[in-house]
Amino acid sequence: WWHPHPFSLSAEPLAPGSKGEPALRITVRNLGRGSAQLARLRPGTKVAVEGPYGLFSTAARTREKVVMIGAGIGITPLRALLETTPFAPGDATVLLRGHSKQELYLGTEILELCQKRGARLFHLTGARAPWDDHNWLPDDAVRNGYSIASYAPDIADSDVYICGPATWAGNVISDALMAGADAEQIHHERFDW
């Protein structure tokens, strides 16, 4: 009956609700038996929650500006981060990556938060360049010579939050380092365990 799963919050934790208990929101992609069972939980079912783990939060901030980059279901923790991270209008850039618009999870909510908070938003969709295993961008962006600095020219002066598949995230980290970001500015939420 006990089976742990690492999930990230996809919204700021809410104050106690009508029953006096705080509410946590997670967004789960149905990838197998465990996540399918989660979708069938009924309201009121007791669950055990522990954490937080890692530094994928505002506690890791080292700069005033911020760049948030997520792929697939790795986009969902960015939504919570975008909601809670302090920044001035124009000082945040959000890049969402997926093979299609359908893989830009919570895209509408993120768009609304970006508009409300004054953050720049880029939707990067399409297949990766089949001839370039070290790139994280869609094929058309690679062919046009784009890099992370094309979307976030101030990346060297920003905290960089990255969440997505391990190999993809490694490629984003490499691109950020090549663009002038220091390792201490890069905060990576691992989705593998």
C-alpha atoms as a PDB file:
ATOM      1  CA  TRP A   1       0.000   0.000   0.000  1.00  0.00           C
ATOM      2  CA  TRP A   2       2.992   2.272   0.390  1.00  0.00           C
ATOM      3  CA  HIS A   3       4.767   3.462  -2.727  1.00  0.00           C
ATOM      4  CA  PRO A   4       6.726   6.735  -2.808  1.00  0.00           C
ATOM      5  CA  HIS A   5       6.715   9.056  -5.820  1.00  0.00           C
ATOM      6  CA  PRO A   6       8.631  12.319  -6.146  1.00  0.00           C
ATOM      7  CA  PHE A   7       6.282  15.092  -7.228  1.00  0.00           C
ATOM      8  CA  SER A   8       6.852  18.827  -7.368  1.00  0.00           C
ATOM      9  CA  LEU A   9       4.346  21.466  -6.382  1.00  0.00           C
ATOM     10  CA  SER A  10       2.745  23.212  -9.342  1.00  0.00           C
ATOM     11  CA  ALA A  11       1.306  26.108  -7.321  1.00  0.00           C
ATOM     12  CA  GLU A  12       2.070  27.981  -4.152  1.00  0.00           C
ATOM     13  CA  PRO A  13       0.867  26.032  -1.081  1.00  0.00           C
ATOM     14  CA  LEU A  14      -2.501  27.338   0.038  1.00  0.00           C
ATOM     15  CA  ALA A  15      -3.495  28.419   3.512  1.00  0.00           C
ATOM     16  CA  PRO A  16      -5.700  26.055   5.487  1.00  0.00           C
ATOM     17  CA  GLY A  17      -8.959  25.327   3.709  1.00  0.00           C
ATOM     18  CA  SER A  18     -12.463  24.807   5.053  1.00  0.00           C
ATOM     19  CA  LYS A  19     -11.377  21.708   7.005  1.00  0.00           C
ATOM     20  CA  GLY A  20      -8.408  23.519   8.535  1.00  0.00           C
ATOM     21  CA  GLU A  21      -5.786  21.695   6.498  1.00  0.00           C
ATOM     22  CA  PRO A  22      -3.394  23.320   4.019  1.00  0.00           C
ATOM     23  CA  ALA A  23      -3.757  22.469   0.344  1.00  0.00           C
ATOM     24  CA  LEU A  24      -0.932  21.386  -1.947  1.00  0.00           C
ATOM     25  CA  ARG A  25      -1.250  21.237  -5.727  1.00  0.00           C
ATOM     26  CA  ILE A  26       0.713  18.811  -7.869  1.00  0.00           C
ATOM     27  CA  THR A  27       0.338  18.185 -11.590  1.00  0.00           C
ATOM     28  CA  VAL A  28       1.049  14.620 -12.674  1.00  0.00           C
ATOM     29  CA  ARG A  29       1.573  13.241 -16.161  1.00  0.00           C
ATOM     30  CA  ASN A  30       0.033   9.785 -16.506  1.00  0.00           C
ATOM     31  CA  LEU A  31       3.046   7.605 -17.266  1.00  0.00           C
ATOM     32  CA  GLY A  32       2.162   4.337 -15.613  1.00  0.00           C
ATOM     33  CA  ARG A  33       0.305   2.455 -12.921  1.00  0.00           C
ATOM     34  CA  GLY A  34       1.361   4.711 -10.036  1.00  0.00           C
ATOM     35  CA  SER A  35       0.337   7.979 -11.653  1.00  0.00           C
ATOM     36  CA  ALA A  36      -2.876   6.404 -12.986  1.00  0.00           C
ATOM     37  CA  GLN A  37      -3.798   5.311  -9.450  1.00  0.00           C
ATOM     38  CA  LEU A  38      -3.143   8.819  -8.186  1.00  0.00           C
ATOM     39  CA  ALA A  39      -5.756  10.177 -10.588  1.00  0.00           C
ATOM     40  CA  ARG A  40      -8.334   7.853  -8.997  1.00  0.00           C
ATOM     41  CA  LEU A  41      -7.825   9.110  -5.446  1.00  0.00           C
ATOM     42  CA  ARG A  42     -11.006  10.420  -3.895  1.00  0.00           C
ATOM     43  CA  PRO A  43     -11.229  13.680  -1.971  1.00  0.00           C
ATOM     44  CA  GLY A  44     -10.483  13.047   1.683  1.00  0.00           C
ATOM     45  CA  THR A  45      -8.061  10.180   1.041  1.00  0.00           C
ATOM     46  CA  LYS A  46      -5.156  10.375   3.462  1.00  0.00           C
ATOM     47  CA  VAL A  47      -1.752  10.822   1.827  1.00  0.00           C
ATOM     48  CA  ALA A  48       1.704  11.211   3.331  1.00  0.00           C
ATOM     49  CA  VAL A  49       3.785  14.146   2.115  1.00  0.00           C
ATOM     50  CA  GLU A  50       7.395  14.870   2.945  1.00  0.00           C
ATOM     51  CA  GLY A  51       9.883  17.436   1.815  1.00  0.00           C
ATOM     52  CA  PRO A  52      10.732  19.846   0.441  1.00  0.00           C
ATOM     53  CA  TYR A  53      13.982  18.560  -0.981  1.00  0.00           C
ATOM     54  CA  GLY A  54      16.524  20.419  -3.056  1.00  0.00           C
ATOM     55  CA  LEU A  55      16.874  24.125  -3.684  1.00  0.00           C
ATOM     56  CA  PHE A  56      14.462  24.656  -6.559  1.00  0.00           C
ATOM     57  CA  SER A  57      13.005  27.634  -4.740  1.00  0.00           C
ATOM     58  CA  THR A  58      13.587  31.310  -4.107  1.00  0.00           C
ATOM     59  CA  ALA A  59      15.977  30.276  -1.303  1.00  0.00           C
ATOM     60  CA  ALA A  60      18.565  29.561  -4.021  1.00  0.00           C
ATOM     61  CA  ARG A  61      18.474  33.089  -5.504  1.00  0.00           C
ATOM     62  CA  THR A  62      21.786  34.854  -6.128  1.00  0.00           C
ATOM     63  CA  ARG A  63      20.682  37.518  -8.652  1.00  0.00           C
ATOM     64  CA  GLU A  64      17.770  39.935  -9.172  1.00  0.00           C
ATOM     65  CA  LYS A  65      16.919  38.635 -12.654  1.00  0.00           C
ATOM     66  CA  VAL A  66      15.646  35.132 -13.312  1.00  0.00           C
ATOM     67  CA  VAL A  67      15.390  32.725 -16.247  1.00  0.00           C
ATOM     68  CA  MET A  68      13.084  29.695 -15.916  1.00  0.00           C
ATOM     69  CA  ILE A  69      13.359  26.854 -18.431  1.00  0.00           C
ATOM     70  CA  GLY A  70      11.222  23.721 -18.411  1.00  0.00           C
ATOM     71  CA  ALA A  71      10.392  20.830 -20.709  1.00  0.00           C
ATOM     72  CA  GLY A  72       7.373  18.536 -20.686  1.00  0.00           C
ATOM     73  CA  ILE A  73       6.042  17.806 -17.222  1.00  0.00           C
ATOM     74  CA  GLY A  74       9.146  19.612 -15.906  1.00  0.00           C
ATOM     75  CA  ILE A  75       7.258  22.794 -16.731  1.00  0.00           C
ATOM     76  CA  THR A  76       4.870  22.328 -13.797  1.00  0.00           C
ATOM     77  CA  PRO A  77       7.256  23.328 -10.959  1.00  0.00           C
ATOM     78  CA  LEU A  78       8.099  26.464 -12.933  1.00  0.00           C
ATOM     79  CA  ARG A  79       4.476  27.539 -12.566  1.00  0.00           C
ATOM     80  CA  ALA A  80       4.834  27.525  -8.762  1.00  0.00           C
ATOM     81  CA  LEU A  81       8.202  29.270  -8.974  1.00  0.00           C
ATOM     82  CA  LEU A  82       6.814  31.926 -11.319  1.00  0.00           C
ATOM     83  CA  GLU A  83       3.963  32.551  -8.893  1.00  0.00           C
ATOM     84  CA  THR A  84       6.189  33.056  -5.836  1.00  0.00           C
ATOM     85  CA  THR A  85       9.541  34.408  -7.043  1.00  0.00           C
ATOM     86  CA  PRO A  86      10.108  38.116  -6.440  1.00  0.00           C
ATOM     87  CA  PHE A  87      11.239  40.003  -9.549  1.00  0.00           C
ATOM     88  CA  ALA A  88      10.589  43.368 -11.162  1.00  0.00           C
ATOM     89  CA  PRO A  89       8.575  43.500 -14.403  1.00  0.00           C
ATOM     90  CA  GLY A  90      10.945  42.737 -17.274  1.00  0.00           C
ATOM     91  CA  ASP A  91      13.453  40.892 -15.059  1.00  0.00           C
ATOM     92  CA  ALA A  92      12.151  37.369 -15.742  1.00  0.00           C
ATOM     93  CA  THR A  93      12.241  35.154 -18.819  1.00  0.00           C
ATOM     94  CA  VAL A  94      10.333  31.869 -19.086  1.00  0.00           C
ATOM     95  CA  LEU A  95      11.093  29.281 -21.774  1.00  0.00           C
ATOM     96  CA  LEU A  96       8.717  26.341 -22.183  1.00  0.00           C
ATOM     97  CA  ARG A  97       9.932  23.427 -24.317  1.00  0.00           C
ATOM     98  CA  GLY A  98       7.898  20.576 -25.804  1.00  0.00           C
ATOM     99  CA  HIS A  99       7.519  18.564 -28.970  1.00  0.00           C
ATOM    100  CA  SER A 100       4.066  20.098 -29.409  1.00  0.00           C
ATOM    101  CA  LYS A 101       1.818  22.726 -27.780  1.00  0.00           C
ATOM    102  CA  GLN A 102       0.078  19.867 -25.932  1.00  0.00           C
ATOM    103  CA  GLU A 103       3.353  19.168 -24.088  1.00  0.00           C
ATOM    104  CA  LEU A 104       3.506  22.712 -22.719  1.00  0.00           C
ATOM    105  CA  TYR A 105       1.746  21.672 -19.508  1.00  0.00           C
ATOM    106  CA  LEU A 106      -0.073  24.470 -17.658  1.00  0.00           C
ATOM    107  CA  GLY A 107       0.821  26.741 -20.573  1.00  0.00           C
ATOM    108  CA  THR A 108      -2.299  28.892 -20.262  1.00  0.00           C
ATOM    109  CA  GLU A 109      -1.763  29.458 -16.533  1.00  0.00           C
ATOM    110  CA  ILE A 110       1.899  30.288 -17.106  1.00  0.00           C
ATOM    111  CA  LEU A 111       0.947  32.736 -19.872  1.00  0.00           C
ATOM    112  CA  GLU A 112      -1.484  34.480 -17.507  1.00  0.00           C
ATOM    113  CA  LEU A 113       1.137  34.657 -14.732  1.00  0.00           C
ATOM    114  CA  CYS A 114       3.740  36.043 -17.159  1.00  0.00           C
ATOM    115  CA  GLN A 115       1.315  38.715 -18.352  1.00  0.00           C
ATOM    116  CA  LYS A 116       0.328  39.614 -14.789  1.00  0.00           C
ATOM    117  CA  ARG A 117       3.932  39.735 -13.500  1.00  0.00           C
ATOM    118  CA  GLY A 118       5.679  41.236 -16.536  1.00  0.00           C
ATOM    119  CA  ALA A 119       7.768  38.198 -17.511  1.00  0.00           C
ATOM    120  CA  ARG A 120       8.811  37.370 -21.080  1.00  0.00           C
ATOM    121  CA  LEU A 121       7.499  34.003 -22.298  1.00  0.00           C
ATOM    122  CA  PHE A 122       8.736  31.833 -25.158  1.00  0.00           C
ATOM    123  CA  HIS A 123       7.052  28.641 -26.380  1.00  0.00           C
ATOM    124  CA  LEU A 124       9.665  26.440 -28.044  1.00  0.00           C
ATOM    125  CA  THR A 125       7.983  23.528 -29.804  1.00  0.00           C
ATOM    126  CA  GLY A 126       9.118  20.947 -32.309  1.00  0.00           C
ATOM    127  CA  ALA A 127      11.459  17.991 -32.530  1.00  0.00           C
ATOM    128  CA  ARG A 128      15.088  18.322 -31.513  1.00  0.00           C
ATOM    129  CA  ALA A 129      17.693  18.487 -34.257  1.00  0.00           C
ATOM    130  CA  PRO A 130      18.363  14.817 -35.111  1.00  0.00           C
ATOM    131  CA  TRP A 131      21.922  15.667 -36.103  1.00  0.00           C
ATOM    132  CA  ASP A 132      22.779  17.498 -32.851  1.00  0.00           C
ATOM    133  CA  ASP A 133      22.648  15.400 -29.664  1.00  0.00           C
ATOM    134  CA  HIS A 134      23.952  18.275 -27.557  1.00  0.00           C
ATOM    135  CA  ASN A 135      21.192  20.773 -28.204  1.00  0.00           C
ATOM    136  CA  TRP A 136      17.980  21.295 -26.275  1.00  0.00           C
ATOM    137  CA  LEU A 137      16.226  23.592 -28.735  1.00  0.00           C
ATOM    138  CA  PRO A 138      13.831  22.657 -31.540  1.00  0.00           C
ATOM    139  CA  ASP A 139      15.428  21.814 -34.888  1.00  0.00           C
ATOM    140  CA  ASP A 140      14.322  25.076 -36.553  1.00  0.00           C
ATOM    141  CA  ALA A 141      15.884  27.174 -33.766  1.00  0.00           C
ATOM    142  CA  VAL A 142      19.178  25.285 -34.063  1.00  0.00           C
ATOM    143  CA  ARG A 143      19.202  25.699 -37.849  1.00  0.00           C
ATOM    144  CA  ASN A 144      18.678  29.458 -37.375  1.00  0.00           C
ATOM    145  CA  GLY A 145      21.623  29.695 -34.976  1.00  0.00           C
ATOM    146  CA  TYR A 146      19.659  30.314 -31.777  1.00  0.00           C
ATOM    147  CA  SER A 147      21.012  29.550 -28.324  1.00  0.00           C
ATOM    148  CA  ILE A 148      19.826  30.261 -24.805  1.00  0.00           C
ATOM    149  CA  ALA A 149      21.267  33.794 -25.088  1.00  0.00           C
ATOM    150  CA  SER A 150      18.933  34.459 -28.042  1.00  0.00           C
ATOM    151  CA  TYR A 151      15.960  34.237 -25.676  1.00  0.00           C
ATOM    152  CA  ALA A 152      17.639  35.416 -22.456  1.00  0.00           C
ATOM    153  CA  PRO A 153      20.452  37.820 -23.393  1.00  0.00           C
ATOM    154  CA  ASP A 154      20.936  38.763 -19.721  1.00  0.00           C
ATOM    155  CA  ILE A 155      21.439  35.152 -18.612  1.00  0.00           C
ATOM    156  CA  ALA A 156      24.903  35.899 -17.190  1.00  0.00           C
ATOM    157  CA  ASP A 157      23.204  38.264 -14.716  1.00  0.00           C
ATOM    158  CA  SER A 158      20.304  35.925 -13.867  1.00  0.00           C
ATOM    159  CA  ASP A 159      19.469  32.953 -11.716  1.00  0.00           C
ATOM    160  CA  VAL A 160      18.652  30.071 -14.053  1.00  0.00           C
ATOM    161  CA  TYR A 161      16.078  27.450 -13.012  1.00  0.00           C
ATOM    162  CA  ILE A 162      15.943  24.310 -15.178  1.00  0.00           C
ATOM    163  CA  CYS A 163      13.530  21.390 -14.934  1.00  0.00           C
ATOM    164  CA  GLY A 164      13.038  18.567 -17.435  1.00  0.00           C
ATOM    165  CA  PRO A 165      14.478  15.247 -18.617  1.00  0.00           C
ATOM    166  CA  ALA A 166      18.067  14.630 -17.461  1.00  0.00           C
ATOM    167  CA  THR A 167      19.844  14.643 -20.836  1.00  0.00           C
ATOM    168  CA  TRP A 168      17.869  17.643 -22.052  1.00  0.00           C
ATOM    169  CA  ALA A 169      18.579  19.543 -18.810  1.00  0.00           C
ATOM    170  CA  GLY A 170      22.285  18.765 -19.125  1.00  0.00           C
ATOM    171  CA  ASN A 171      22.242  20.351 -22.577  1.00  0.00           C
ATOM    172  CA  VAL A 172      20.472  23.460 -21.217  1.00  0.00           C
ATOM    173  CA  ILE A 173      23.030  23.735 -18.413  1.00  0.00           C
ATOM    174  CA  SER A 174      25.885  23.522 -20.932  1.00  0.00           C
ATOM    175  CA  ASP A 175      24.278  26.235 -23.072  1.00  0.00           C
ATOM    176  CA  ALA A 176      23.776  28.475 -20.011  1.00  0.00           C
ATOM    177  CA  LEU A 177      27.408  28.054 -18.952  1.00  0.00           C
ATOM    178  CA  MET A 178      28.613  28.849 -22.483  1.00  0.00           C
ATOM    179  CA  ALA A 179      26.424  31.991 -22.412  1.00  0.00           C
ATOM    180  CA  GLY A 180      28.223  33.258 -19.307  1.00  0.00           C
ATOM    181  CA  ALA A 181      26.156  31.973 -16.375  1.00  0.00           C
ATOM    182  CA  ASP A 182      28.199  30.731 -13.409  1.00  0.00           C
ATOM    183  CA  ALA A 183      27.474  27.285 -11.963  1.00  0.00           C
ATOM    184  CA  GLU A 184      26.214  28.868  -8.704  1.00  0.00           C
ATOM    185  CA  GLN A 185      23.476  30.661 -10.677  1.00  0.00           C
ATOM    186  CA  ILE A 186      22.093  27.422 -12.130  1.00  0.00           C
ATOM    187  CA  HIS A 187      19.421  25.578 -10.152  1.00  0.00           C
ATOM    188  CA  HIS A 188      18.370  22.220 -11.591  1.00  0.00           C
ATOM    189  CA  GLU A 189      15.368  20.206 -10.426  1.00  0.00           C
ATOM    190  CA  ARG A 190      16.087  16.549 -11.145  1.00  0.00           C
ATOM    191  CA  PHE A 191      13.124  14.472 -12.243  1.00  0.00           C
ATOM    192  CA  ASP A 192      15.008  11.173 -12.184  1.00  0.00           C
ATOM    193  CA  TRP A 193      15.686   9.097  -9.080  1.00  0.00           C
END
